[in-house]
């Protein structure tokens, strides 16, 4: 259950990071509310997952999922550039996330 919470919390990190980019300095209501709600839920899930997952492993996986997810959202829906080099680097991050899980 802790691993499911960790993955969901990492995906929520993607949601809050994306919403943060749309708040325009917290001047837009709905992106700001989405940011706050997803941030709180992400932190709660991370905290609960860290009850049974070591903090170094859990935090690294949480950040990795959020970083990869946010980069994918940026490239897919927000018009950020896509390149083979970027995809390769994201695959390196994913391999690190999988490696941490397998070594746990």
Protein backbone atom coordinates (compact mmCIF):
# COMPACT_ATOMS: atom_id res chain seq x y z
CA UNK A 1 0.00 0.00 0.00
CA UNK A 2 2.87 2.39 0.79
CA UNK A 3 4.25 2.03 -2.73
CA UNK A 4 0.87 2.82 -4.28
CA UNK A 5 0.62 5.91 -2.08
CA UNK A 6 4.11 6.94 -3.11
CA UNK A 7 3.36 6.62 -6.84
CA UNK A 8 0.05 8.48 -6.52
CA UNK A 9 1.79 11.19 -4.50
CA UNK A 10 4.45 11.51 -7.21
CA UNK A 11 1.73 11.90 -9.82
CA UNK A 12 0.09 14.55 -7.64
CA UNK A 13 3.46 16.32 -7.58
CA UNK A 14 3.20 16.50 -11.36
CA UNK A 15 -0.28 17.99 -10.97
CA UNK A 16 0.76 20.66 -8.49
CA UNK A 17 3.87 21.62 -10.43
CA UNK A 18 1.81 21.99 -13.60
CA UNK A 19 -0.89 23.97 -11.78
CA UNK A 20 1.78 26.21 -10.23
CA UNK A 21 2.97 27.14 -13.70
CA UNK A 22 -0.56 28.29 -14.53
CA UNK A 23 -1.23 30.39 -11.39
CA UNK A 24 0.54 33.47 -12.79
CA UNK A 25 1.93 34.32 -9.37
CA UNK A 26 -1.21 33.10 -7.60
CA UNK A 27 -3.36 35.67 -9.41
CA UNK A 28 -5.58 33.02 -11.04
CA UNK A 29 -8.07 31.34 -8.70
CA UNK A 30 -8.60 27.86 -10.16
CA UNK A 31 -4.98 26.98 -10.91
CA UNK A 32 -4.09 28.29 -7.44
CA UNK A 33 -6.75 26.12 -5.77
CA UNK A 34 -5.68 23.07 -7.80
CA UNK A 35 -2.08 23.76 -6.76
CA UNK A 36 -2.96 23.96 -3.05
CA UNK A 37 -5.17 20.85 -3.02
CA UNK A 38 -2.78 18.66 -5.01
CA UNK A 39 0.22 19.89 -3.00
CA UNK A 40 -1.44 19.01 0.31
CA UNK A 41 -2.61 15.61 -0.96
CA UNK A 42 0.84 14.88 -2.39
CA UNK A 43 2.54 15.71 0.91
CA UNK A 44 0.06 13.68 2.94
CA UNK A 45 0.58 10.67 0.67
CA UNK A 46 4.35 11.04 0.86
CA UNK A 47 4.23 11.29 4.64
CA UNK A 48 2.08 8.17 4.91
CA UNK A 49 4.30 6.23 2.50
CA UNK A 50 7.41 7.18 4.48
CA UNK A 51 6.02 5.31 7.47
CA UNK A 52 7.26 2.10 5.86
CA UNK A 53 9.62 3.22 3.07
CA UNK A 54 13.02 4.67 3.98
CA UNK A 55 13.09 8.45 3.52
CA UNK A 56 16.02 8.46 1.07
CA UNK A 57 14.40 5.92 -1.23
CA UNK A 58 10.88 7.27 -0.88
CA UNK A 59 11.78 10.90 -1.40
CA UNK A 60 14.00 10.17 -4.40
CA UNK A 61 11.26 8.11 -6.06
CA UNK A 62 8.60 10.75 -5.27
CA UNK A 63 10.72 13.53 -6.73
CA UNK A 64 11.66 11.40 -9.74
CA UNK A 65 8.06 10.56 -10.58
CA UNK A 66 7.11 14.23 -10.23
CA UNK A 67 10.03 15.43 -12.33
CA UNK A 68 9.50 12.93 -15.13
CA UNK A 69 5.75 13.48 -15.10
CA UNK A 70 6.10 17.25 -15.18
CA UNK A 71 8.60 17.09 -18.04
CA UNK A 72 6.25 14.83 -20.00
CA UNK A 73 3.29 17.17 -19.39
CA UNK A 74 5.42 20.10 -20.49
CA UNK A 75 6.51 18.42 -23.69
CA UNK A 76 3.09 16.93 -24.44
CA UNK A 77 0.66 19.72 -23.59
CA UNK A 78 2.57 22.89 -22.76
CA UNK A 79 4.59 23.32 -25.92
CA UNK A 80 8.02 22.62 -24.45
CA UNK A 81 10.59 21.29 -26.88
CA UNK A 82 11.07 17.57 -27.39
CA UNK A 83 14.38 16.04 -28.37
CA UNK A 84 16.05 12.66 -28.35
CA UNK A 85 18.46 13.95 -25.71
CA UNK A 86 15.59 14.99 -23.40
CA UNK A 87 13.84 11.65 -23.84
CA UNK A 88 17.11 9.83 -23.14
CA UNK A 89 17.62 11.83 -19.94
CA UNK A 90 14.07 11.11 -18.80
CA UNK A 91 14.67 7.41 -19.45
CA UNK A 92 17.76 7.65 -17.26
CA UNK A 93 15.62 9.11 -14.48
CA UNK A 94 13.03 6.35 -14.91
CA UNK A 95 15.77 3.70 -14.76
CA UNK A 96 17.01 5.27 -11.52
CA UNK A 97 13.51 5.22 -10.04
CA UNK A 98 13.03 1.57 -11.00
CA UNK A 99 16.48 0.73 -9.69
CA UNK A 100 15.74 2.29 -6.30
CA UNK A 101 12.52 0.32 -6.06
CA UNK A 102 14.20 -2.95 -7.01
CA UNK A 103 17.04 -2.39 -4.54
CA UNK A 104 14.68 -1.59 -1.67
